[in-house]
Amino acid sequence: MAPVVRKGRRLAAENSRWRVYYDHLADQKGNEVPDYLVLEGRHAHADRVTGVAVLPVLDDKLVLLRVFRHPLARDSLEAVRGFIDEGESADAAALRELTEETGLRCRAANLVPLGGYAPEPGTMAARGKLFAALGCEGTPRSPDDELGLGAIAMVERARMAELIASGAIEDAATLILYYRFCTSQ
């Protein structure tokens, strides 16, 4: 495969979490794209990790969030997800996001790392770390302070395949996280 060379970069937009660039790319075969879209996390670790996804387990049920995704104009059932704050470890971010989005707590010893994933490697210079949160404690509550986050769903493991097949769960992070959780048991 021919290596791709970045001939230029132009900042298109930025916010508190992302920078959006137009990269001018070329390869040795003469192919060029003058405006290749790249999203880059502002607080990425050296390995480009910018966020976490967590699959909480409470009373042998999986805890998912109903999330309205504006770009898709629809609801989705998803695992807990969020950004890593500047100077924060992925583990600490996972525990923080778990509590912020569900009201649940998990001891650090019960946080099981399940690897990483690339949400959209064609455009995003970002990776996420995946975790299962076993033995969660507390009463699940729906968050009311984050845009798009809705009701909490307590899902029996046997029902997950049905939700995936129906398209109720189609988020890549949630699917990969669930697959890795199942194979780690």
N, C-alpha and C. Protein backbone atom coordinates (compact mmCIF):
# COMPACT_ATOMS: atom_id res chain seq x y z
N MET A 1 0.85 -1.17 0.00
CA MET A 1 0.00 0.00 0.00
C MET A 1 0.90 1.24 0.00
N ALA A 2 0.55 2.20 -0.80
CA ALA A 2 1.34 3.43 -0.89
C ALA A 2 1.10 4.30 0.34
N PRO A 3 2.17 4.83 0.92
CA PRO A 3 1.99 5.72 2.07
C PRO A 3 1.34 7.03 1.64
N VAL A 4 0.57 7.58 2.54
CA VAL A 4 -0.10 8.85 2.30
C VAL A 4 0.68 9.95 2.99
N VAL A 5 0.87 11.06 2.30
CA VAL A 5 1.63 12.18 2.83
C VAL A 5 0.69 13.37 3.02
N ARG A 6 0.78 14.02 4.17
CA ARG A 6 0.01 15.23 4.39
C ARG A 6 0.82 16.40 3.87
N LYS A 7 0.30 17.07 2.84
CA LYS A 7 0.99 18.20 2.22
C LYS A 7 0.61 19.52 2.86
N GLY A 8 -0.50 19.53 3.59
CA GLY A 8 -0.95 20.76 4.24
C GLY A 8 -2.09 20.47 5.19
N ARG A 9 -2.36 21.42 6.06
CA ARG A 9 -3.44 21.27 7.03
C ARG A 9 -4.05 22.64 7.29
N ARG A 10 -5.38 22.69 7.29
CA ARG A 10 -6.09 23.93 7.56
C ARG A 10 -7.14 23.68 8.64
N LEU A 11 -7.09 24.47 9.71
CA LEU A 11 -8.08 24.37 10.77
C LEU A 11 -9.41 24.90 10.26
N ALA A 12 -10.46 24.07 10.33
CA ALA A 12 -11.78 24.47 9.84
C ALA A 12 -12.68 24.95 10.97
N ALA A 13 -12.58 24.30 12.14
CA ALA A 13 -13.42 24.66 13.29
C ALA A 13 -12.84 24.00 14.53
N GLU A 14 -13.24 24.51 15.69
CA GLU A 14 -12.84 23.88 16.94
C GLU A 14 -13.82 24.24 18.03
N ASN A 15 -13.88 23.36 19.03
CA ASN A 15 -14.67 23.63 20.23
C ASN A 15 -13.89 23.10 21.43
N SER A 16 -14.54 22.92 22.55
CA SER A 16 -13.82 22.51 23.77
C SER A 16 -13.30 21.09 23.70
N ARG A 17 -13.81 20.26 22.81
CA ARG A 17 -13.42 18.85 22.73
C ARG A 17 -12.71 18.46 21.44
N TRP A 18 -12.97 19.15 20.34
CA TRP A 18 -12.49 18.73 19.02
C TRP A 18 -11.88 19.88 18.25
N ARG A 19 -10.96 19.50 17.35
CA ARG A 19 -10.48 20.37 16.29
C ARG A 19 -10.83 19.67 14.98
N VAL A 20 -11.34 20.43 14.04
CA VAL A 20 -11.71 19.89 12.74
C VAL A 20 -10.75 20.50 11.71
N TYR A 21 -10.09 19.61 10.97
CA TYR A 21 -9.11 20.05 9.98
C TYR A 21 -9.51 19.61 8.58
N TYR A 22 -9.03 20.37 7.60
CA TYR A 22 -9.00 19.93 6.21
C TYR A 22 -7.54 19.65 5.90
N ASP A 23 -7.22 18.38 5.67
CA ASP A 23 -5.85 18.00 5.33
C ASP A 23 -5.73 17.84 3.81
N HIS A 24 -4.62 18.28 3.27
CA HIS A 24 -4.30 18.05 1.86
C HIS A 24 -3.43 16.80 1.83
N LEU A 25 -3.99 15.71 1.31
CA LEU A 25 -3.30 14.42 1.29
C LEU A 25 -2.93 14.01 -0.13
N ALA A 26 -1.82 13.29 -0.25
CA ALA A 26 -1.38 12.76 -1.55
C ALA A 26 -0.67 11.43 -1.32
N ASP A 27 -0.72 10.58 -2.33
CA ASP A 27 0.04 9.33 -2.25
C ASP A 27 1.03 9.26 -3.42
N GLN A 28 1.83 8.20 -3.45
CA GLN A 28 2.87 8.06 -4.46
C GLN A 28 2.32 7.72 -5.84
N LYS A 29 1.03 7.37 -5.93
CA LYS A 29 0.42 7.03 -7.21
C LYS A 29 -0.22 8.25 -7.87
N GLY A 30 -0.10 9.41 -7.23
CA GLY A 30 -0.65 10.63 -7.81
C GLY A 30 -2.06 10.97 -7.35
N ASN A 31 -2.62 10.19 -6.45
CA ASN A 31 -3.95 10.51 -5.92
C ASN A 31 -3.83 11.64 -4.90
N GLU A 32 -4.76 12.58 -4.95
CA GLU A 32 -4.75 13.71 -4.01
C GLU A 32 -6.16 14.04 -3.55
N VAL A 33 -6.26 14.44 -2.30
CA VAL A 33 -7.50 14.97 -1.74
C VAL A 33 -7.12 16.26 -1.04
N PRO A 34 -7.58 17.40 -1.55
CA PRO A 34 -7.16 18.68 -0.96
C PRO A 34 -7.90 19.06 0.31
N ASP A 35 -9.01 18.37 0.60
CA ASP A 35 -9.83 18.76 1.76
C ASP A 35 -10.34 17.55 2.54
N TYR A 36 -9.44 16.66 2.88
CA TYR A 36 -9.78 15.45 3.64
C TYR A 36 -10.14 15.88 5.07
N LEU A 37 -11.33 15.55 5.50
CA LEU A 37 -11.83 15.96 6.81
C LEU A 37 -11.25 15.09 7.92
N VAL A 38 -10.68 15.72 8.95
CA VAL A 38 -10.11 15.01 10.10
C VAL A 38 -10.59 15.68 11.38
N LEU A 39 -11.15 14.89 12.29
CA LEU A 39 -11.50 15.35 13.63
C LEU A 39 -10.42 14.87 14.57
N GLU A 40 -9.91 15.77 15.40
CA GLU A 40 -8.83 15.43 16.33
C GLU A 40 -9.24 15.87 17.73
N GLY A 41 -9.11 14.98 18.69
CA GLY A 41 -9.45 15.32 20.07
C GLY A 41 -8.48 16.34 20.65
N ARG A 42 -9.01 17.31 21.37
CA ARG A 42 -8.17 18.36 21.95
C ARG A 42 -7.33 17.85 23.12
N HIS A 43 -7.83 16.88 23.86
CA HIS A 43 -7.11 16.40 25.04
C HIS A 43 -6.70 14.94 24.88
N ALA A 44 -6.30 14.57 23.69
CA ALA A 44 -5.94 13.18 23.40
C ALA A 44 -4.64 12.80 24.10
N HIS A 45 -4.60 11.56 24.57
CA HIS A 45 -3.36 10.99 25.09
C HIS A 45 -2.43 10.70 23.91
N ALA A 46 -1.21 10.32 24.18
CA ALA A 46 -0.24 10.05 23.12
C ALA A 46 -0.72 8.98 22.15
N ASP A 47 -1.52 8.02 22.64
CA ASP A 47 -2.06 6.96 21.78
C ASP A 47 -3.39 7.36 21.13
N ARG A 48 -3.70 8.65 21.17
CA ARG A 48 -4.90 9.25 20.59
C ARG A 48 -6.18 8.89 21.33
N VAL A 49 -6.09 8.36 22.53
CA VAL A 49 -7.29 8.05 23.31
C VAL A 49 -7.89 9.35 23.83
N THR A 50 -9.15 9.54 23.51
CA THR A 50 -9.86 10.75 23.91
C THR A 50 -11.09 10.46 24.77
N GLY A 51 -11.54 9.21 24.78
CA GLY A 51 -12.77 8.91 25.50
C GLY A 51 -12.83 7.49 26.00
N VAL A 52 -13.93 7.22 26.70
CA VAL A 52 -14.16 5.90 27.29
C VAL A 52 -15.59 5.46 27.01
N ALA A 53 -15.81 4.16 27.05
CA ALA A 53 -17.15 3.58 27.03
C ALA A 53 -17.17 2.52 28.13
N VAL A 54 -18.27 2.50 28.87
CA VAL A 54 -18.38 1.64 30.04
C VAL A 54 -19.68 0.86 29.98
N LEU A 55 -19.60 -0.45 30.19
CA LEU A 55 -20.78 -1.29 30.28
C LEU A 55 -21.00 -1.65 31.74
N PRO A 56 -21.92 -0.96 32.43
CA PRO A 56 -22.18 -1.26 33.83
C PRO A 56 -23.01 -2.52 34.00
N VAL A 57 -22.70 -3.29 35.04
CA VAL A 57 -23.47 -4.47 35.38
C VAL A 57 -24.02 -4.27 36.79
N LEU A 58 -25.34 -4.31 36.92
CA LEU A 58 -26.02 -4.12 38.20
C LEU A 58 -27.03 -5.25 38.37
N ASP A 59 -26.91 -6.01 39.44
CA ASP A 59 -27.83 -7.13 39.70
C ASP A 59 -27.94 -8.05 38.49
N ASP A 60 -26.82 -8.36 37.86
CA ASP A 60 -26.72 -9.25 36.70
C ASP A 60 -27.46 -8.72 35.47
N LYS A 61 -27.75 -7.42 35.46
CA LYS A 61 -28.34 -6.80 34.27
C LYS A 61 -27.36 -5.77 33.73
N LEU A 62 -27.41 -5.56 32.42
CA LEU A 62 -26.57 -4.56 31.77
C LEU A 62 -27.31 -3.22 31.79
N VAL A 63 -26.60 -2.18 32.08
CA VAL A 63 -27.20 -0.85 32.18
C VAL A 63 -26.85 -0.07 30.92
N LEU A 64 -27.88 0.32 30.18
CA LEU A 64 -27.70 1.10 28.96
C LEU A 64 -28.46 2.41 29.08
N LEU A 65 -28.08 3.37 28.28
CA LEU A 65 -28.75 4.67 28.25
C LEU A 65 -29.49 4.85 26.93
N ARG A 66 -30.68 5.41 27.00
CA ARG A 66 -31.36 5.82 25.78
C ARG A 66 -30.81 7.20 25.45
N VAL A 67 -30.26 7.34 24.24
CA VAL A 67 -29.59 8.57 23.85
C VAL A 67 -30.18 9.05 22.52
N PHE A 68 -30.56 10.32 22.47
CA PHE A 68 -30.98 10.90 21.20
C PHE A 68 -29.73 11.41 20.50
N ARG A 69 -29.49 10.91 19.29
CA ARG A 69 -28.32 11.32 18.50
C ARG A 69 -28.79 12.28 17.41
N HIS A 70 -28.51 13.55 17.62
CA HIS A 70 -28.94 14.60 16.70
C HIS A 70 -28.53 14.35 15.25
N PRO A 71 -27.27 13.98 14.95
CA PRO A 71 -26.91 13.78 13.54
C PRO A 71 -27.73 12.68 12.85
N LEU A 72 -28.21 11.70 13.61
CA LEU A 72 -29.01 10.62 13.04
C LEU A 72 -30.51 10.87 13.20
N ALA A 73 -30.88 11.86 14.01
CA ALA A 73 -32.28 12.21 14.29
C ALA A 73 -33.06 11.01 14.83
N ARG A 74 -32.42 10.29 15.78
CA ARG A 74 -33.11 9.13 16.37
C ARG A 74 -32.49 8.75 17.70
N ASP A 75 -33.26 7.95 18.45
CA ASP A 75 -32.79 7.40 19.71
C ASP A 75 -31.99 6.14 19.47
N SER A 76 -31.10 5.85 20.41
CA SER A 76 -30.29 4.64 20.37
C SER A 76 -30.06 4.19 21.81
N LEU A 77 -29.92 2.90 22.00
CA LEU A 77 -29.50 2.39 23.31
C LEU A 77 -28.00 2.24 23.27
N GLU A 78 -27.32 2.82 24.25
CA GLU A 78 -25.87 2.83 24.22
C GLU A 78 -25.29 2.61 25.61
N ALA A 79 -24.04 2.18 25.62
CA ALA A 79 -23.28 2.10 26.85
C ALA A 79 -22.94 3.51 27.31
N VAL A 80 -22.57 3.64 28.55
CA VAL A 80 -22.10 4.91 29.09
C VAL A 80 -20.86 5.32 28.32
N ARG A 81 -20.80 6.58 27.90
CA ARG A 81 -19.63 7.07 27.16
C ARG A 81 -19.31 8.49 27.58
N GLY A 82 -18.05 8.86 27.37
CA GLY A 82 -17.69 10.24 27.63
C GLY A 82 -16.23 10.50 27.32
N PHE A 83 -15.89 11.76 27.41
CA PHE A 83 -14.53 12.22 27.13
C PHE A 83 -13.64 12.09 28.36
N ILE A 84 -12.36 11.94 28.11
CA ILE A 84 -11.36 12.00 29.17
C ILE A 84 -10.98 13.46 29.32
N ASP A 85 -11.05 13.96 30.55
CA ASP A 85 -10.67 15.34 30.80
C ASP A 85 -9.16 15.49 30.77
N GLU A 86 -8.70 16.70 30.55
CA GLU A 86 -7.26 16.96 30.49
C GLU A 86 -6.59 16.50 31.79
N GLY A 87 -5.53 15.69 31.65
CA GLY A 87 -4.79 15.19 32.79
C GLY A 87 -5.43 14.00 33.50
N GLU A 88 -6.54 13.51 33.01
CA GLU A 88 -7.27 12.41 33.64
C GLU A 88 -6.89 11.08 32.98
N SER A 89 -6.82 10.02 33.75
CA SER A 89 -6.57 8.69 33.19
C SER A 89 -7.87 8.13 32.63
N ALA A 90 -7.76 7.15 31.75
CA ALA A 90 -8.95 6.51 31.19
C ALA A 90 -9.76 5.82 32.28
N ASP A 91 -9.10 5.16 33.22
CA ASP A 91 -9.80 4.50 34.32
C ASP A 91 -10.62 5.50 35.14
N ALA A 92 -9.99 6.61 35.48
CA ALA A 92 -10.68 7.63 36.28
C ALA A 92 -11.86 8.21 35.50
N ALA A 93 -11.68 8.43 34.21
CA ALA A 93 -12.77 8.95 33.37
C ALA A 93 -13.93 7.96 33.32
N ALA A 94 -13.61 6.66 33.23
CA ALA A 94 -14.66 5.64 33.17
C ALA A 94 -15.49 5.65 34.46
N LEU A 95 -14.83 5.72 35.59
CA LEU A 95 -15.56 5.74 36.87
C LEU A 95 -16.37 7.03 37.02
N ARG A 96 -15.81 8.15 36.60
CA ARG A 96 -16.52 9.43 36.67
C ARG A 96 -17.75 9.43 35.77
N GLU A 97 -17.57 9.00 34.51
CA GLU A 97 -18.69 8.98 33.57
C GLU A 97 -19.80 8.04 34.04
N LEU A 98 -19.42 6.91 34.59
CA LEU A 98 -20.39 5.96 35.13
C LEU A 98 -21.30 6.65 36.13
N THR A 99 -20.71 7.35 37.08
CA THR A 99 -21.50 8.02 38.12
C THR A 99 -22.29 9.19 37.55
N GLU A 100 -21.66 10.00 36.69
CA GLU A 100 -22.35 11.16 36.12
C GLU A 100 -23.57 10.76 35.29
N GLU A 101 -23.46 9.68 34.52
CA GLU A 101 -24.52 9.34 33.58
C GLU A 101 -25.54 8.35 34.11
N THR A 102 -25.21 7.63 35.18
CA THR A 102 -26.16 6.63 35.71
C THR A 102 -26.43 6.75 37.20
N GLY A 103 -25.61 7.49 37.92
CA GLY A 103 -25.74 7.54 39.38
C GLY A 103 -25.13 6.34 40.07
N LEU A 104 -24.60 5.39 39.31
CA LEU A 104 -24.01 4.17 39.88
C LEU A 104 -22.55 4.41 40.24
N ARG A 105 -22.06 3.59 41.14
CA ARG A 105 -20.65 3.63 41.53
C ARG A 105 -20.07 2.23 41.34
N CYS A 106 -18.77 2.22 41.12
CA CYS A 106 -18.04 0.96 40.96
C CYS A 106 -16.67 1.14 41.59
N ARG A 107 -16.24 0.15 42.34
CA ARG A 107 -14.88 0.23 42.89
C ARG A 107 -13.88 0.06 41.75
N ALA A 108 -12.76 0.74 41.87
CA ALA A 108 -11.73 0.67 40.84
C ALA A 108 -11.30 -0.78 40.57
N ALA A 109 -11.30 -1.60 41.60
CA ALA A 109 -10.91 -3.01 41.45
C ALA A 109 -11.91 -3.79 40.60
N ASN A 110 -13.14 -3.28 40.46
CA ASN A 110 -14.18 -3.95 39.67
C ASN A 110 -14.33 -3.38 38.27
N LEU A 111 -13.44 -2.47 37.91
CA LEU A 111 -13.44 -1.90 36.56
C LEU A 111 -12.53 -2.77 35.69
N VAL A 112 -13.11 -3.43 34.71
CA VAL A 112 -12.38 -4.40 33.89
C VAL A 112 -12.05 -3.78 32.52
N PRO A 113 -10.77 -3.58 32.22
CA PRO A 113 -10.42 -3.04 30.90
C PRO A 113 -10.67 -4.08 29.81
N LEU A 114 -11.29 -3.62 28.71
CA LEU A 114 -11.61 -4.51 27.60
C LEU A 114 -11.00 -4.02 26.29
N GLY A 115 -9.89 -3.30 26.39
CA GLY A 115 -9.18 -2.87 25.19
C GLY A 115 -9.64 -1.53 24.67
N GLY A 116 -9.31 -1.28 23.42
CA GLY A 116 -9.66 -0.02 22.80
C GLY A 116 -10.38 -0.24 21.49
N TYR A 117 -10.81 0.86 20.91
CA TYR A 117 -11.46 0.80 19.59
C TYR A 117 -11.27 2.15 18.91
N ALA A 118 -11.41 2.15 17.60
CA ALA A 118 -11.33 3.37 16.81
C ALA A 118 -12.73 3.67 16.30
N PRO A 119 -13.38 4.73 16.79
CA PRO A 119 -14.78 4.98 16.44
C PRO A 119 -15.02 5.18 14.95
N GLU A 120 -14.17 5.89 14.27
CA GLU A 120 -14.29 6.11 12.83
C GLU A 120 -12.91 6.49 12.32
N PRO A 121 -12.05 5.48 12.09
CA PRO A 121 -10.66 5.77 11.74
C PRO A 121 -10.47 6.46 10.40
N GLY A 122 -11.52 6.53 9.58
CA GLY A 122 -11.41 7.22 8.31
C GLY A 122 -11.39 8.73 8.46
N THR A 123 -11.98 9.24 9.54
CA THR A 123 -12.03 10.69 9.73
C THR A 123 -11.61 11.14 11.12
N MET A 124 -11.67 10.27 12.10
CA MET A 124 -11.39 10.68 13.47
C MET A 124 -10.01 10.24 13.93
N ALA A 125 -9.20 11.19 14.35
CA ALA A 125 -7.90 10.89 14.97
C ALA A 125 -8.16 10.71 16.45
N ALA A 126 -8.95 9.67 16.77
CA ALA A 126 -9.38 9.44 18.15
C ALA A 126 -9.61 7.96 18.37
N ARG A 127 -9.34 7.55 19.60
CA ARG A 127 -9.59 6.17 20.02
C ARG A 127 -10.31 6.22 21.36
N GLY A 128 -10.97 5.13 21.69
CA GLY A 128 -11.64 5.03 22.98
C GLY A 128 -11.18 3.81 23.72
N LYS A 129 -11.21 3.88 25.03
CA LYS A 129 -10.92 2.73 25.89
C LYS A 129 -12.25 2.16 26.38
N LEU A 130 -12.33 0.84 26.43
CA LEU A 130 -13.55 0.13 26.79
C LEU A 130 -13.40 -0.53 28.16
N PHE A 131 -14.47 -0.48 28.95
CA PHE A 131 -14.46 -1.06 30.29
C PHE A 131 -15.80 -1.71 30.60
N ALA A 132 -15.75 -2.76 31.42
CA ALA A 132 -16.95 -3.28 32.08
C ALA A 132 -16.85 -2.85 33.53
N ALA A 133 -17.95 -2.44 34.08
CA ALA A 133 -18.01 -2.04 35.50
C ALA A 133 -18.84 -3.09 36.22
N LEU A 134 -18.17 -4.02 36.87
CA LEU A 134 -18.83 -5.14 37.54
C LEU A 134 -19.19 -4.74 38.97
N GLY A 135 -20.24 -5.37 39.47
CA GLY A 135 -20.61 -5.14 40.87
C GLY A 135 -20.97 -3.70 41.16
N CYS A 136 -21.65 -3.04 40.23
CA CYS A 136 -22.03 -1.64 40.46
C CYS A 136 -22.96 -1.55 41.66
N GLU A 137 -22.92 -0.40 42.30
CA GLU A 137 -23.75 -0.14 43.47
C GLU A 137 -24.50 1.17 43.28
N GLY A 138 -25.64 1.27 43.94
CA GLY A 138 -26.43 2.49 43.89
C GLY A 138 -27.74 2.26 43.16
N THR A 139 -28.49 3.33 43.04
CA THR A 139 -29.77 3.30 42.35
C THR A 139 -29.62 4.04 41.03
N PRO A 140 -29.90 3.35 39.92
CA PRO A 140 -29.75 4.02 38.63
C PRO A 140 -30.71 5.21 38.52
N ARG A 141 -30.19 6.28 37.96
CA ARG A 141 -31.02 7.47 37.73
C ARG A 141 -30.72 8.02 36.35
N SER A 142 -31.74 8.54 35.74
CA SER A 142 -31.55 9.17 34.43
C SER A 142 -30.91 10.53 34.63
N PRO A 143 -29.87 10.82 33.88
CA PRO A 143 -29.24 12.13 34.00
C PRO A 143 -30.13 13.21 33.40
N ASP A 144 -30.12 14.37 34.00
CA ASP A 144 -30.91 15.47 33.45
C ASP A 144 -30.06 16.68 33.08
N ASP A 145 -28.74 16.50 33.12
CA ASP A 145 -27.86 17.64 32.87
C ASP A 145 -26.98 17.46 31.64
N GLU A 146 -27.32 16.49 30.77
CA GLU A 146 -26.56 16.30 29.54
C GLU A 146 -27.51 16.19 28.36
N LEU A 147 -27.21 16.93 27.33
CA LEU A 147 -28.04 16.99 26.14
C LEU A 147 -28.20 15.61 25.51
N GLY A 148 -29.46 15.19 25.30
CA GLY A 148 -29.74 13.96 24.59
C GLY A 148 -29.82 12.70 25.43
N LEU A 149 -29.31 12.73 26.67
CA LEU A 149 -29.35 11.53 27.50
C LEU A 149 -30.73 11.37 28.10
N GLY A 150 -31.27 10.16 27.96
CA GLY A 150 -32.62 9.89 28.44
C GLY A 150 -32.66 8.80 29.48
N ALA A 151 -33.67 7.98 29.38
CA ALA A 151 -33.94 6.94 30.37
C ALA A 151 -32.87 5.86 30.40
N ILE A 152 -32.73 5.28 31.56
CA ILE A 152 -31.83 4.13 31.74
C ILE A 152 -32.61 2.86 31.46
N ALA A 153 -31.96 1.93 30.77
CA ALA A 153 -32.56 0.63 30.49
C ALA A 153 -31.75 -0.44 31.20
N MET A 154 -32.42 -1.24 31.98
CA MET A 154 -31.80 -2.40 32.64
C MET A 154 -32.12 -3.61 31.76
N VAL A 155 -31.09 -4.16 31.13
CA VAL A 155 -31.29 -5.17 30.09
C VAL A 155 -30.75 -6.52 30.54
N GLU A 156 -31.60 -7.53 30.46
CA GLU A 156 -31.16 -8.90 30.70
C GLU A 156 -30.18 -9.29 29.59
N ARG A 157 -29.16 -10.04 29.94
CA ARG A 157 -28.16 -10.43 28.93
C ARG A 157 -28.79 -11.16 27.76
N ALA A 158 -29.80 -12.00 28.03
CA ALA A 158 -30.45 -12.76 26.96
C ALA A 158 -31.19 -11.86 25.97
N ARG A 159 -31.56 -10.66 26.36
CA ARG A 159 -32.30 -9.74 25.49
C ARG A 159 -31.37 -8.91 24.58
N MET A 160 -30.09 -8.88 24.87
CA MET A 160 -29.16 -8.06 24.09
C MET A 160 -29.15 -8.44 22.61
N ALA A 161 -29.14 -9.73 22.29
CA ALA A 161 -29.11 -10.16 20.88
C ALA A 161 -30.33 -9.64 20.13
N GLU A 162 -31.48 -9.65 20.78
CA GLU A 162 -32.70 -9.14 20.16
C GLU A 162 -32.60 -7.63 19.89
N LEU A 163 -32.08 -6.89 20.85
CA LEU A 163 -31.92 -5.43 20.69
C LEU A 163 -30.92 -5.11 19.58
N ILE A 164 -29.87 -5.91 19.48
CA ILE A 164 -28.88 -5.70 18.42
C ILE A 164 -29.49 -6.02 17.06
N ALA A 165 -30.18 -7.15 16.96
CA ALA A 165 -30.79 -7.56 15.69
C ALA A 165 -31.85 -6.57 15.22
N SER A 166 -32.58 -5.96 16.15
CA SER A 166 -33.65 -5.02 15.78
C SER A 166 -33.12 -3.65 15.38
N GLY A 167 -31.84 -3.38 15.65
CA GLY A 167 -31.27 -2.07 15.36
C GLY A 167 -31.41 -1.08 16.49
N ALA A 168 -31.99 -1.51 17.61
CA ALA A 168 -32.11 -0.62 18.77
C ALA A 168 -30.72 -0.29 19.32
N ILE A 169 -29.78 -1.23 19.12
CA ILE A 169 -28.38 -0.99 19.47
C ILE A 169 -27.58 -1.11 18.19
N GLU A 170 -26.99 0.02 17.75
CA GLU A 170 -26.16 -0.01 16.55
C GLU A 170 -24.89 0.80 16.71
N ASP A 171 -24.72 1.40 17.87
CA ASP A 171 -23.52 2.18 18.17
C ASP A 171 -22.31 1.25 18.24
N ALA A 172 -21.27 1.59 17.49
CA ALA A 172 -20.09 0.73 17.40
C ALA A 172 -19.44 0.48 18.76
N ALA A 173 -19.32 1.52 19.58
CA ALA A 173 -18.69 1.34 20.90
C ALA A 173 -19.47 0.33 21.73
N THR A 174 -20.79 0.45 21.74
CA THR A 174 -21.62 -0.45 22.53
C THR A 174 -21.52 -1.88 22.01
N LEU A 175 -21.54 -2.04 20.70
CA LEU A 175 -21.46 -3.38 20.11
C LEU A 175 -20.12 -4.05 20.41
N ILE A 176 -19.04 -3.33 20.21
CA ILE A 176 -17.71 -3.89 20.47
C ILE A 176 -17.56 -4.18 21.97
N LEU A 177 -18.01 -3.27 22.79
CA LEU A 177 -17.92 -3.44 24.24
C LEU A 177 -18.69 -4.68 24.68
N TYR A 178 -19.90 -4.85 24.18
CA TYR A 178 -20.71 -6.01 24.55
C TYR A 178 -20.05 -7.31 24.07
N TYR A 179 -19.55 -7.32 22.84
CA TYR A 179 -18.86 -8.51 22.32
C TYR A 179 -17.66 -8.87 23.20
N ARG A 180 -16.85 -7.89 23.52
CA ARG A 180 -15.66 -8.16 24.34
C ARG A 180 -16.04 -8.57 25.75
N PHE A 181 -17.10 -7.98 26.28
CA PHE A 181 -17.58 -8.37 27.61
C PHE A 181 -17.99 -9.85 27.60
N CYS A 182 -18.74 -10.25 26.57
CA CYS A 182 -19.18 -11.65 26.48
C CYS A 182 -18.01 -12.62 26.35
N THR A 183 -17.01 -12.26 25.59
CA THR A 183 -15.87 -13.16 25.40
C THR A 183 -14.92 -13.14 26.59
N SER A 184 -15.06 -12.17 27.48
CA SER A 184 -14.18 -12.11 28.65
C SER A 184 -14.76 -12.90 29.83
N GLN A 185 -16.00 -13.29 29.74
CA GLN A 185 -16.69 -13.97 30.86
C GLN A 185 -16.33 -15.45 30.91
